[in-house]
Amino acid sequence: MILESIDELNWVAVGASLLAVFVLGAAWFTPAVLGTYWARQVARYSGASEAAITSVAAQPVSLLKWVVSMAVNVIVLALVIEGVGADSAVEGMTLGMMVALGFGATFSGWPPIFARMPWEWWLVNNGAFLIMQVAAGTILAVWR
């Protein structure tokens, strides 16, 4: 039943959500916003230089991997929205927020808890994920 729902998705809305997620994520992680701060937190943990971290993050292969992972995320979010019948901006925003906090923030909490990655790294990543999920949820719910 769930896989049958894939045929019912509005693929234009999925594409628009993916574009919104990419633009929001790219803006969030630019050096002028939080990119430099994020790189500093990763460098603090990994021992790599901030320049090395930002240069890898800006490479086309890295960006493509990120887009593919976010495409999977947006498709799954679209299936969840379809499954629960969310059909308004408020419902889409709420569901996006719940998914970001309930799944993203909890699973990504493991590195700071167990591997001692900086909590600041977690906050930057999850702030971006929260904004991206809310935007995608809104688009997907309204444009069903």
C-alpha atoms as a PDB file:
ATOM      1  CA  MET A   1       0.000   0.000   0.000  1.00  0.00           C
ATOM      2  CA  ILE A   2       2.741   2.484   0.896  1.00  0.00           C
ATOM      3  CA  LEU A   3       4.719   1.838  -2.258  1.00  0.00           C
ATOM      4  CA  GLU A   4       1.523   2.176  -4.292  1.00  0.00           C
ATOM      5  CA  SER A   5       1.232   5.705  -2.894  1.00  0.00           C
ATOM      6  CA  ILE A   6       4.372   6.704  -4.784  1.00  0.00           C
ATOM      7  CA  ASP A   7       2.294   6.803  -7.965  1.00  0.00           C
ATOM      8  CA  GLU A   8      -0.082   9.274  -6.303  1.00  0.00           C
ATOM      9  CA  LEU A   9       2.601  11.797  -5.331  1.00  0.00           C
ATOM     10  CA  ASN A  10       2.671  15.192  -6.983  1.00  0.00           C
ATOM     11  CA  TRP A  11       6.160  14.959  -8.475  1.00  0.00           C
ATOM     12  CA  VAL A  12       6.182  18.643  -9.381  1.00  0.00           C
ATOM     13  CA  ALA A  13       5.631  19.435  -5.687  1.00  0.00           C
ATOM     14  CA  VAL A  14       8.377  16.960  -4.765  1.00  0.00           C
ATOM     15  CA  GLY A  15      10.737  18.705  -7.208  1.00  0.00           C
ATOM     16  CA  ALA A  16       9.768  22.145  -5.902  1.00  0.00           C
ATOM     17  CA  SER A  17      10.329  20.953  -2.327  1.00  0.00           C
ATOM     18  CA  LEU A  18      13.731  19.561  -3.225  1.00  0.00           C
ATOM     19  CA  LEU A  19      14.668  22.854  -4.861  1.00  0.00           C
ATOM     20  CA  ALA A  20      13.504  24.777  -1.782  1.00  0.00           C
ATOM     21  CA  VAL A  21      15.478  22.450   0.496  1.00  0.00           C
ATOM     22  CA  PHE A  22      18.599  22.888  -1.622  1.00  0.00           C
ATOM     23  CA  VAL A  23      18.323  26.687  -1.691  1.00  0.00           C
ATOM     24  CA  LEU A  24      17.632  26.923   2.049  1.00  0.00           C
ATOM     25  CA  GLY A  25      20.435  24.511   2.938  1.00  0.00           C
ATOM     26  CA  ALA A  26      22.920  26.202   0.612  1.00  0.00           C
ATOM     27  CA  ALA A  27      22.043  29.607   2.073  1.00  0.00           C
ATOM     28  CA  TRP A  28      22.240  28.321   5.680  1.00  0.00           C
ATOM     29  CA  PHE A  29      25.707  26.884   5.163  1.00  0.00           C
ATOM     30  CA  THR A  30      27.239  29.789   3.223  1.00  0.00           C
ATOM     31  CA  PRO A  31      30.200  31.356   4.999  1.00  0.00           C
ATOM     32  CA  ALA A  32      28.211  34.572   5.540  1.00  0.00           C
ATOM     33  CA  VAL A  33      25.481  32.741   7.455  1.00  0.00           C
ATOM     34  CA  LEU A  34      26.598  29.656   9.426  1.00  0.00           C
ATOM     35  CA  GLY A  35      29.013  27.858   7.093  1.00  0.00           C
ATOM     36  CA  THR A  36      32.165  29.183   8.730  1.00  0.00           C
ATOM     37  CA  TYR A  37      30.819  28.463  12.215  1.00  0.00           C
ATOM     38  CA  TRP A  38      29.774  24.948  11.140  1.00  0.00           C
ATOM     39  CA  ALA A  39      33.210  24.275   9.612  1.00  0.00           C
ATOM     40  CA  ARG A  40      34.852  25.456  12.845  1.00  0.00           C
ATOM     41  CA  GLN A  41      32.774  22.946  14.848  1.00  0.00           C
ATOM     42  CA  VAL A  42      33.610  20.102  12.469  1.00  0.00           C
ATOM     43  CA  ALA A  43      37.290  21.092  12.542  1.00  0.00           C
ATOM     44  CA  ARG A  44      37.194  21.122  16.342  1.00  0.00           C
ATOM     45  CA  TYR A  45      36.065  17.504  16.290  1.00  0.00           C
ATOM     46  CA  SER A  46      37.884  16.112  13.275  1.00  0.00           C
ATOM     47  CA  GLY A  47      41.203  17.921  13.466  1.00  0.00           C
ATOM     48  CA  ALA A  48      40.952  18.868   9.779  1.00  0.00           C
ATOM     49  CA  SER A  49      41.345  22.513   8.848  1.00  0.00           C
ATOM     50  CA  GLU A  50      38.284  24.667   8.269  1.00  0.00           C
ATOM     51  CA  ALA A  51      39.493  25.322   4.712  1.00  0.00           C
ATOM     52  CA  ALA A  52      39.714  21.585   4.005  1.00  0.00           C
ATOM     53  CA  ILE A  53      36.215  21.033   5.368  1.00  0.00           C
ATOM     54  CA  THR A  54      34.631  23.841   3.369  1.00  0.00           C
ATOM     55  CA  SER A  55      36.444  22.869   0.170  1.00  0.00           C
ATOM     56  CA  VAL A  56      35.140  19.279   0.414  1.00  0.00           C
ATOM     57  CA  ALA A  57      31.626  20.519   1.212  1.00  0.00           C
ATOM     58  CA  ALA A  58      31.626  22.692  -1.931  1.00  0.00           C
ATOM     59  CA  GLN A  59      32.723  19.927  -4.315  1.00  0.00           C
ATOM     60  CA  PRO A  60      30.148  18.794  -6.890  1.00  0.00           C
ATOM     61  CA  VAL A  61      30.329  15.158  -5.735  1.00  0.00           C
ATOM     62  CA  SER A  62      29.587  16.151  -2.138  1.00  0.00           C
ATOM     63  CA  LEU A  63      26.719  18.384  -3.209  1.00  0.00           C
ATOM     64  CA  LEU A  64      25.294  15.637  -5.436  1.00  0.00           C
ATOM     65  CA  LYS A  65      25.379  13.146  -2.554  1.00  0.00           C
ATOM     66  CA  TRP A  66      23.578  15.688  -0.381  1.00  0.00           C
ATOM     67  CA  VAL A  67      20.929  16.357  -3.041  1.00  0.00           C
ATOM     68  CA  VAL A  68      20.309  12.618  -3.477  1.00  0.00           C
ATOM     69  CA  SER A  69      19.926  12.147   0.275  1.00  0.00           C
ATOM     70  CA  MET A  70      17.553  15.107   0.492  1.00  0.00           C
ATOM     71  CA  ALA A  71      15.574  13.754  -2.480  1.00  0.00           C
ATOM     72  CA  VAL A  72      15.002  10.552  -0.531  1.00  0.00           C
ATOM     73  CA  ASN A  73      13.999  12.642   2.477  1.00  0.00           C
ATOM     74  CA  VAL A  74      11.529  14.760   0.499  1.00  0.00           C
ATOM     75  CA  ILE A  75       9.956  11.696  -1.133  1.00  0.00           C
ATOM     76  CA  VAL A  76       9.481  10.014   2.248  1.00  0.00           C
ATOM     77  CA  LEU A  77       8.056  13.229   3.702  1.00  0.00           C
ATOM     78  CA  ALA A  78       5.651  13.398   0.731  1.00  0.00           C
ATOM     79  CA  LEU A  79       4.553   9.820   1.467  1.00  0.00           C
ATOM     80  CA  VAL A  80       3.983  10.677   5.131  1.00  0.00           C
ATOM     81  CA  ILE A  81       1.984  13.769   4.191  1.00  0.00           C
ATOM     82  CA  GLU A  82      -0.070  11.720   1.740  1.00  0.00           C
ATOM     83  CA  GLY A  83      -0.556   8.982   4.336  1.00  0.00           C
ATOM     84  CA  VAL A  84      -1.862  11.269   7.064  1.00  0.00           C
ATOM     85  CA  GLY A  85      -3.820  13.431   4.656  1.00  0.00           C
ATOM     86  CA  ALA A  86      -2.159  16.738   5.539  1.00  0.00           C
ATOM     87  CA  ASP A  87      -3.557  19.308   3.128  1.00  0.00           C
ATOM     88  CA  SER A  88      -2.905  22.770   4.529  1.00  0.00           C
ATOM     89  CA  ALA A  89       0.134  24.950   5.158  1.00  0.00           C
ATOM     90  CA  VAL A  90      -0.249  24.625   8.925  1.00  0.00           C
ATOM     91  CA  GLU A  91      -0.520  20.827   8.764  1.00  0.00           C
ATOM     92  CA  GLY A  92       2.490  20.632   6.420  1.00  0.00           C
ATOM     93  CA  MET A  93       4.572  22.928   8.616  1.00  0.00           C
ATOM     94  CA  THR A  94       3.594  21.008  11.736  1.00  0.00           C
ATOM     95  CA  LEU A  95       4.364  17.641  10.176  1.00  0.00           C
ATOM     96  CA  GLY A  96       7.677  18.930   8.797  1.00  0.00           C
ATOM     97  CA  MET A  97       8.606  20.198  12.257  1.00  0.00           C
ATOM     98  CA  MET A  98       7.567  16.939  13.935  1.00  0.00           C
ATOM     99  CA  VAL A  99       9.583  14.854  11.485  1.00  0.00           C
ATOM    100  CA  ALA A 100      12.631  17.112  11.868  1.00  0.00           C
ATOM    101  CA  LEU A 101      12.525  17.001  15.654  1.00  0.00           C
ATOM    102  CA  GLY A 102      11.203  13.472  16.111  1.00  0.00           C
ATOM    103  CA  PHE A 103      13.535  11.741  13.675  1.00  0.00           C
ATOM    104  CA  GLY A 104      16.278  14.096  12.510  1.00  0.00           C
ATOM    105  CA  ALA A 105      17.170  15.748  15.805  1.00  0.00           C
ATOM    106  CA  THR A 106      17.003  12.531  17.802  1.00  0.00           C
ATOM    107  CA  PHE A 107      19.056  10.364  15.442  1.00  0.00           C
ATOM    108  CA  SER A 108      21.631  13.067  14.823  1.00  0.00           C
ATOM    109  CA  GLY A 109      22.022  13.486  18.578  1.00  0.00           C
ATOM    110  CA  TRP A 110      24.047  10.311  18.797  1.00  0.00           C
ATOM    111  CA  PRO A 111      27.379  11.838  17.655  1.00  0.00           C
ATOM    112  CA  PRO A 112      27.403  14.572  20.332  1.00  0.00           C
ATOM    113  CA  ILE A 113      26.220  12.121  22.986  1.00  0.00           C
ATOM    114  CA  PHE A 114      28.526   9.202  22.234  1.00  0.00           C
ATOM    115  CA  ALA A 115      31.322  10.502  19.984  1.00  0.00           C
ATOM    116  CA  ARG A 116      31.693  13.851  21.725  1.00  0.00           C
ATOM    117  CA  MET A 117      31.045  15.904  18.620  1.00  0.00           C
ATOM    118  CA  PRO A 118      30.269  19.489  19.575  1.00  0.00           C
ATOM    119  CA  TRP A 119      26.640  20.241  20.411  1.00  0.00           C
ATOM    120  CA  GLU A 120      27.080  23.426  18.380  1.00  0.00           C
ATOM    121  CA  TRP A 121      27.544  21.197  15.304  1.00  0.00           C
ATOM    122  CA  TRP A 122      24.275  19.457  16.185  1.00  0.00           C
ATOM    123  CA  LEU A 123      22.443  22.791  16.603  1.00  0.00           C
ATOM    124  CA  VAL A 124      23.614  24.148  13.242  1.00  0.00           C
ATOM    125  CA  ASN A 125      22.735  20.950  11.394  1.00  0.00           C
ATOM    126  CA  ASN A 126      19.358  20.545  13.050  1.00  0.00           C
ATOM    127  CA  GLY A 127      18.471  24.200  12.655  1.00  0.00           C
ATOM    128  CA  ALA A 128      18.976  23.790   8.925  1.00  0.00           C
ATOM    129  CA  PHE A 129      17.093  20.501   8.865  1.00  0.00           C
ATOM    130  CA  LEU A 130      14.173  21.995  10.790  1.00  0.00           C
ATOM    131  CA  ILE A 131      13.826  24.908   8.379  1.00  0.00           C
ATOM    132  CA  MET A 132      14.165  22.638   5.350  1.00  0.00           C
ATOM    133  CA  GLN A 133      11.591  20.134   6.657  1.00  0.00           C
ATOM    134  CA  VAL A 134       9.083  22.853   7.510  1.00  0.00           C
ATOM    135  CA  ALA A 135       9.458  24.376   4.040  1.00  0.00           C
ATOM    136  CA  ALA A 136       9.190  21.006   2.285  1.00  0.00           C
ATOM    137  CA  GLY A 137       6.236  19.962   4.439  1.00  0.00           C
ATOM    138  CA  THR A 138       4.429  23.190   3.657  1.00  0.00           C
ATOM    139  CA  ILE A 139       4.959  22.870  -0.096  1.00  0.00           C
ATOM    140  CA  LEU A 140       4.037  19.201  -0.165  1.00  0.00           C
ATOM    141  CA  ALA A 141       0.860  19.605   1.899  1.00  0.00           C
ATOM    142  CA  VAL A 142      -0.445  22.651   0.050  1.00  0.00           C
ATOM    143  CA  TRP A 143       0.455  21.350  -3.407  1.00  0.00           C
ATOM    144  CA  ARG A 144      -0.947  17.836  -3.083  1.00  0.00           C
END
